[in-house]
Amino acid sequence: MVWYNKRVIGSMWMEDVGLDEQKIREGNMPLAWASMLVLLVTTTIFIALVVNNIGGELEEGLAVGAVIGFGIAATNKIPHYSFAKQPWRLAIMNAINTGLAITLSGAIIGAFNA
């Protein structure tokens, strides 16, 4: 959520996807927020299953999160943008967002296992 704030990279993101603040407000924001929440909880559960299965603490959680986040999830996003003829900058922004979010989730889950 912070990632797409106008003060971070939100202006570049809106430019790349062809949206402005008015168009965003016209969308179904409750559905967008609800789906994001459901998917976030689902992702967190699966990361927790992996981290807990290896008995990981902070360091292991960070490593698992980075492997899943950057090694799997982020790298799998980029081809979708390429085939859809979307800007590379958009692909990189979204891939980094995914990688960071999953890496941080793994670290937080690991920290709670300590």
N, C-alpha and C. Protein backbone atom coordinates (compact mmCIF):
# COMPACT_ATOMS: atom_id res chain seq x y z
N MET A 1 0.83 -1.18 0.00
CA MET A 1 0.00 0.00 0.00
C MET A 1 0.88 1.25 0.00
N VAL A 2 1.92 1.26 0.82
CA VAL A 2 2.84 2.40 0.87
C VAL A 2 3.54 2.57 -0.47
N TRP A 3 3.89 1.46 -1.07
CA TRP A 3 4.63 1.44 -2.33
C TRP A 3 3.94 2.29 -3.40
N TYR A 4 2.62 2.21 -3.49
CA TYR A 4 1.87 2.90 -4.55
C TYR A 4 1.39 4.28 -4.15
N ASN A 5 1.83 4.78 -3.02
CA ASN A 5 1.53 6.15 -2.60
C ASN A 5 2.20 7.12 -3.57
N LYS A 6 1.56 8.24 -3.85
CA LYS A 6 2.13 9.21 -4.78
C LYS A 6 3.50 9.71 -4.34
N ARG A 7 3.77 9.70 -3.06
CA ARG A 7 5.07 10.18 -2.56
C ARG A 7 6.17 9.15 -2.72
N VAL A 8 5.81 7.91 -3.04
CA VAL A 8 6.81 6.86 -3.23
C VAL A 8 6.94 6.63 -4.74
N ILE A 9 6.20 5.68 -5.31
CA ILE A 9 6.25 5.49 -6.76
C ILE A 9 4.86 5.56 -7.39
N GLY A 10 3.87 6.01 -6.63
CA GLY A 10 2.50 6.04 -7.11
C GLY A 10 2.29 6.85 -8.38
N SER A 11 2.98 7.97 -8.53
CA SER A 11 2.81 8.79 -9.74
C SER A 11 3.33 8.04 -10.97
N MET A 12 4.49 7.39 -10.84
CA MET A 12 5.02 6.61 -11.96
C MET A 12 4.10 5.45 -12.28
N TRP A 13 3.58 4.79 -11.24
CA TRP A 13 2.69 3.65 -11.44
C TRP A 13 1.42 4.09 -12.17
N MET A 14 0.80 5.19 -11.71
CA MET A 14 -0.42 5.68 -12.36
C MET A 14 -0.16 6.03 -13.83
N GLU A 15 0.98 6.63 -14.10
CA GLU A 15 1.34 6.96 -15.47
C GLU A 15 1.47 5.69 -16.32
N ASP A 16 2.13 4.69 -15.81
CA ASP A 16 2.35 3.45 -16.57
C ASP A 16 1.08 2.64 -16.80
N VAL A 17 0.14 2.68 -15.87
CA VAL A 17 -1.10 1.93 -16.05
C VAL A 17 -2.21 2.78 -16.67
N GLY A 18 -1.94 4.06 -16.90
CA GLY A 18 -2.91 4.93 -17.55
C GLY A 18 -4.06 5.36 -16.66
N LEU A 19 -3.78 5.55 -15.36
CA LEU A 19 -4.81 5.98 -14.43
C LEU A 19 -4.46 7.33 -13.84
N ASP A 20 -5.49 8.02 -13.37
CA ASP A 20 -5.29 9.21 -12.56
C ASP A 20 -6.12 9.01 -11.29
N GLU A 21 -6.02 9.95 -10.38
CA GLU A 21 -6.72 9.79 -9.10
C GLU A 21 -8.23 9.69 -9.27
N GLN A 22 -8.78 10.42 -10.22
CA GLN A 22 -10.22 10.36 -10.47
C GLN A 22 -10.64 8.97 -10.93
N LYS A 23 -9.90 8.38 -11.87
CA LYS A 23 -10.24 7.05 -12.37
C LYS A 23 -10.12 6.01 -11.26
N ILE A 24 -9.14 6.18 -10.40
CA ILE A 24 -8.97 5.24 -9.29
C ILE A 24 -10.18 5.32 -8.35
N ARG A 25 -10.63 6.53 -8.04
CA ARG A 25 -11.79 6.71 -7.15
C ARG A 25 -13.07 6.15 -7.76
N GLU A 26 -13.16 6.13 -9.09
CA GLU A 26 -14.35 5.61 -9.76
C GLU A 26 -14.43 4.09 -9.71
N GLY A 27 -13.33 3.42 -9.43
CA GLY A 27 -13.32 1.96 -9.40
C GLY A 27 -14.01 1.41 -8.17
N ASN A 28 -14.13 0.12 -8.11
CA ASN A 28 -14.76 -0.56 -6.98
C ASN A 28 -13.71 -0.78 -5.89
N MET A 29 -13.45 0.27 -5.12
CA MET A 29 -12.40 0.21 -4.10
C MET A 29 -12.68 -0.80 -3.00
N PRO A 30 -13.92 -0.97 -2.53
CA PRO A 30 -14.14 -2.01 -1.52
C PRO A 30 -13.74 -3.41 -2.03
N LEU A 31 -14.04 -3.70 -3.28
CA LEU A 31 -13.65 -4.99 -3.85
C LEU A 31 -12.13 -5.09 -3.97
N ALA A 32 -11.49 -4.02 -4.38
CA ALA A 32 -10.03 -4.02 -4.50
C ALA A 32 -9.38 -4.27 -3.14
N TRP A 33 -9.84 -3.56 -2.12
CA TRP A 33 -9.27 -3.71 -0.77
C TRP A 33 -9.57 -5.10 -0.21
N ALA A 34 -10.78 -5.58 -0.41
CA ALA A 34 -11.15 -6.90 0.11
C ALA A 34 -10.33 -8.00 -0.55
N SER A 35 -10.18 -7.92 -1.86
CA SER A 35 -9.40 -8.96 -2.55
C SER A 35 -7.94 -8.89 -2.13
N MET A 36 -7.41 -7.68 -1.95
CA MET A 36 -6.03 -7.54 -1.50
C MET A 36 -5.85 -8.16 -0.11
N LEU A 37 -6.79 -7.93 0.77
CA LEU A 37 -6.71 -8.47 2.12
C LEU A 37 -6.77 -10.00 2.10
N VAL A 38 -7.68 -10.57 1.34
CA VAL A 38 -7.80 -12.03 1.25
C VAL A 38 -6.52 -12.64 0.69
N LEU A 39 -5.99 -12.04 -0.37
CA LEU A 39 -4.77 -12.57 -0.98
C LEU A 39 -3.55 -12.39 -0.07
N LEU A 40 -3.50 -11.29 0.67
CA LEU A 40 -2.42 -11.06 1.62
C LEU A 40 -2.44 -12.11 2.73
N VAL A 41 -3.61 -12.38 3.27
CA VAL A 41 -3.75 -13.39 4.32
C VAL A 41 -3.36 -14.76 3.77
N THR A 42 -3.81 -15.09 2.57
CA THR A 42 -3.49 -16.38 1.95
C THR A 42 -1.98 -16.53 1.77
N THR A 43 -1.34 -15.50 1.22
CA THR A 43 0.11 -15.53 1.03
C THR A 43 0.83 -15.71 2.36
N THR A 44 0.40 -14.97 3.36
CA THR A 44 1.04 -15.03 4.68
C THR A 44 0.90 -16.42 5.29
N ILE A 45 -0.24 -17.04 5.13
CA ILE A 45 -0.44 -18.40 5.65
C ILE A 45 0.54 -19.37 5.00
N PHE A 46 0.69 -19.28 3.68
CA PHE A 46 1.60 -20.19 2.99
C PHE A 46 3.06 -19.94 3.36
N ILE A 47 3.44 -18.69 3.51
CA ILE A 47 4.81 -18.39 3.95
C ILE A 47 5.02 -18.94 5.35
N ALA A 48 4.04 -18.77 6.23
CA ALA A 48 4.14 -19.28 7.60
C ALA A 48 4.27 -20.80 7.60
N LEU A 49 3.55 -21.48 6.73
CA LEU A 49 3.67 -22.94 6.65
C LEU A 49 5.10 -23.36 6.30
N VAL A 50 5.71 -22.67 5.37
CA VAL A 50 7.08 -23.01 4.97
C VAL A 50 8.06 -22.68 6.09
N VAL A 51 7.98 -21.46 6.62
CA VAL A 51 8.91 -21.04 7.68
C VAL A 51 8.76 -21.93 8.90
N ASN A 52 7.54 -22.20 9.31
CA ASN A 52 7.31 -23.04 10.49
C ASN A 52 7.74 -24.48 10.25
N ASN A 53 7.62 -24.95 9.03
CA ASN A 53 8.01 -26.32 8.71
C ASN A 53 9.52 -26.52 8.87
N ILE A 54 10.30 -25.48 8.60
CA ILE A 54 11.75 -25.61 8.75
C ILE A 54 12.20 -25.18 10.15
N GLY A 55 11.25 -24.78 10.98
CA GLY A 55 11.59 -24.35 12.33
C GLY A 55 12.36 -23.04 12.33
N GLY A 56 12.05 -22.20 11.35
CA GLY A 56 12.82 -20.99 11.16
C GLY A 56 12.52 -19.88 12.12
N GLU A 57 13.57 -19.12 12.41
CA GLU A 57 13.43 -17.90 13.17
C GLU A 57 13.66 -16.73 12.22
N LEU A 58 14.09 -15.58 12.70
CA LEU A 58 14.20 -14.38 11.88
C LEU A 58 15.03 -14.61 10.62
N GLU A 59 16.23 -15.14 10.77
CA GLU A 59 17.13 -15.31 9.62
C GLU A 59 16.55 -16.27 8.59
N GLU A 60 16.01 -17.38 9.05
CA GLU A 60 15.42 -18.34 8.12
C GLU A 60 14.17 -17.77 7.46
N GLY A 61 13.36 -17.04 8.24
CA GLY A 61 12.17 -16.41 7.69
C GLY A 61 12.53 -15.40 6.62
N LEU A 62 13.58 -14.63 6.88
CA LEU A 62 14.06 -13.66 5.90
C LEU A 62 14.53 -14.37 4.63
N ALA A 63 15.30 -15.43 4.79
CA ALA A 63 15.80 -16.18 3.63
C ALA A 63 14.66 -16.82 2.84
N VAL A 64 13.74 -17.47 3.54
CA VAL A 64 12.59 -18.09 2.86
C VAL A 64 11.77 -17.03 2.14
N GLY A 65 11.51 -15.91 2.81
CA GLY A 65 10.76 -14.83 2.19
C GLY A 65 11.44 -14.30 0.94
N ALA A 66 12.76 -14.14 0.99
CA ALA A 66 13.49 -13.63 -0.17
C ALA A 66 13.48 -14.63 -1.32
N VAL A 67 13.64 -15.91 -1.01
CA VAL A 67 13.62 -16.93 -2.06
C VAL A 67 12.25 -16.99 -2.72
N ILE A 68 11.21 -17.03 -1.90
CA ILE A 68 9.85 -17.08 -2.46
C ILE A 68 9.51 -15.75 -3.13
N GLY A 69 9.81 -14.65 -2.45
CA GLY A 69 9.42 -13.32 -2.94
C GLY A 69 10.13 -12.91 -4.22
N PHE A 70 11.46 -12.95 -4.20
CA PHE A 70 12.21 -12.51 -5.37
C PHE A 70 12.49 -13.66 -6.34
N GLY A 71 12.83 -14.82 -5.78
CA GLY A 71 13.21 -15.94 -6.64
C GLY A 71 12.06 -16.58 -7.39
N ILE A 72 10.88 -16.52 -6.82
CA ILE A 72 9.73 -17.17 -7.47
C ILE A 72 8.69 -16.14 -7.89
N ALA A 73 8.09 -15.45 -6.93
CA ALA A 73 6.95 -14.58 -7.23
C ALA A 73 7.31 -13.41 -8.13
N ALA A 74 8.36 -12.68 -7.78
CA ALA A 74 8.72 -11.49 -8.56
C ALA A 74 9.15 -11.85 -9.98
N THR A 75 9.96 -12.90 -10.09
CA THR A 75 10.44 -13.27 -11.42
C THR A 75 9.33 -13.80 -12.31
N ASN A 76 8.30 -14.37 -11.71
CA ASN A 76 7.17 -14.87 -12.50
C ASN A 76 6.22 -13.77 -12.95
N LYS A 77 6.29 -12.60 -12.35
CA LYS A 77 5.43 -11.48 -12.74
C LYS A 77 5.89 -10.86 -14.05
N ILE A 78 7.18 -10.74 -14.23
CA ILE A 78 7.73 -9.94 -15.33
C ILE A 78 7.28 -10.42 -16.71
N PRO A 79 7.28 -11.71 -17.01
CA PRO A 79 6.84 -12.12 -18.36
C PRO A 79 5.39 -11.70 -18.69
N HIS A 80 4.53 -11.63 -17.70
CA HIS A 80 3.14 -11.21 -17.94
C HIS A 80 3.10 -9.79 -18.51
N TYR A 81 3.93 -8.92 -17.98
CA TYR A 81 3.98 -7.55 -18.46
C TYR A 81 4.58 -7.49 -19.86
N SER A 82 5.57 -8.31 -20.10
CA SER A 82 6.22 -8.34 -21.40
C SER A 82 5.23 -8.77 -22.49
N PHE A 83 4.51 -9.85 -22.24
CA PHE A 83 3.55 -10.34 -23.22
C PHE A 83 2.38 -9.37 -23.41
N ALA A 84 2.03 -8.64 -22.37
CA ALA A 84 0.93 -7.67 -22.45
C ALA A 84 1.39 -6.33 -23.01
N LYS A 85 2.66 -6.25 -23.38
CA LYS A 85 3.23 -5.01 -23.95
C LYS A 85 3.13 -3.85 -22.96
N GLN A 86 3.30 -4.15 -21.68
CA GLN A 86 3.28 -3.14 -20.64
C GLN A 86 4.70 -2.61 -20.45
N PRO A 87 4.83 -1.41 -19.91
CA PRO A 87 6.17 -0.83 -19.72
C PRO A 87 7.02 -1.68 -18.77
N TRP A 88 8.31 -1.79 -19.10
CA TRP A 88 9.23 -2.53 -18.24
C TRP A 88 9.31 -1.90 -16.85
N ARG A 89 9.22 -0.59 -16.79
CA ARG A 89 9.28 0.08 -15.49
C ARG A 89 8.16 -0.41 -14.60
N LEU A 90 6.96 -0.61 -15.16
CA LEU A 90 5.82 -1.11 -14.39
C LEU A 90 6.10 -2.53 -13.91
N ALA A 91 6.65 -3.35 -14.78
CA ALA A 91 6.98 -4.73 -14.40
C ALA A 91 7.97 -4.75 -13.25
N ILE A 92 9.00 -3.94 -13.35
CA ILE A 92 10.03 -3.91 -12.30
C ILE A 92 9.45 -3.37 -10.99
N MET A 93 8.63 -2.29 -11.06
CA MET A 93 8.03 -1.74 -9.85
C MET A 93 7.18 -2.79 -9.13
N ASN A 94 6.35 -3.50 -9.88
CA ASN A 94 5.47 -4.49 -9.27
C ASN A 94 6.23 -5.72 -8.80
N ALA A 95 7.26 -6.11 -9.52
CA ALA A 95 8.07 -7.26 -9.09
C ALA A 95 8.81 -6.95 -7.79
N ILE A 96 9.38 -5.77 -7.71
CA ILE A 96 10.09 -5.39 -6.47
C ILE A 96 9.10 -5.30 -5.31
N ASN A 97 7.93 -4.74 -5.55
CA ASN A 97 6.90 -4.65 -4.51
C ASN A 97 6.56 -6.04 -3.99
N THR A 98 6.33 -6.98 -4.89
CA THR A 98 6.00 -8.35 -4.49
C THR A 98 7.15 -8.98 -3.72
N GLY A 99 8.35 -8.85 -4.25
CA GLY A 99 9.51 -9.44 -3.59
C GLY A 99 9.73 -8.90 -2.19
N LEU A 100 9.64 -7.57 -2.05
CA LEU A 100 9.82 -6.97 -0.73
C LEU A 100 8.73 -7.38 0.25
N ALA A 101 7.49 -7.38 -0.21
CA ALA A 101 6.37 -7.73 0.67
C ALA A 101 6.51 -9.15 1.20
N ILE A 102 6.85 -10.08 0.33
CA ILE A 102 6.97 -11.48 0.76
C ILE A 102 8.22 -11.67 1.62
N THR A 103 9.30 -10.99 1.29
CA THR A 103 10.51 -11.07 2.11
C THR A 103 10.24 -10.56 3.52
N LEU A 104 9.58 -9.42 3.63
CA LEU A 104 9.26 -8.87 4.95
C LEU A 104 8.29 -9.76 5.71
N SER A 105 7.34 -10.35 5.01
CA SER A 105 6.40 -11.28 5.67
C SER A 105 7.17 -12.46 6.26
N GLY A 106 8.09 -13.01 5.48
CA GLY A 106 8.88 -14.13 5.99
C GLY A 106 9.70 -13.75 7.21
N ALA A 107 10.30 -12.56 7.16
CA ALA A 107 11.11 -12.10 8.29
C ALA A 107 10.25 -11.90 9.54
N ILE A 108 9.09 -11.32 9.38
CA ILE A 108 8.19 -11.08 10.52
C ILE A 108 7.72 -12.41 11.11
N ILE A 109 7.33 -13.34 10.24
CA ILE A 109 6.88 -14.65 10.72
C ILE A 109 8.03 -15.34 11.46
N GLY A 110 9.22 -15.29 10.89
CA GLY A 110 10.38 -15.89 11.56
C GLY A 110 10.68 -15.25 12.90
N ALA A 111 10.54 -13.93 12.97
CA ALA A 111 10.80 -13.22 14.23
C ALA A 111 9.84 -13.66 15.32
N PHE A 112 8.59 -13.96 14.95
CA PHE A 112 7.63 -14.43 15.94
C PHE A 112 7.90 -15.87 16.37
N ASN A 113 8.68 -16.61 15.58
CA ASN A 113 9.02 -17.97 15.96
C ASN A 113 10.19 -18.02 16.95
N ALA A 114 10.86 -16.91 17.12
CA ALA A 114 12.05 -16.89 17.99
C ALA A 114 11.70 -17.13 19.44
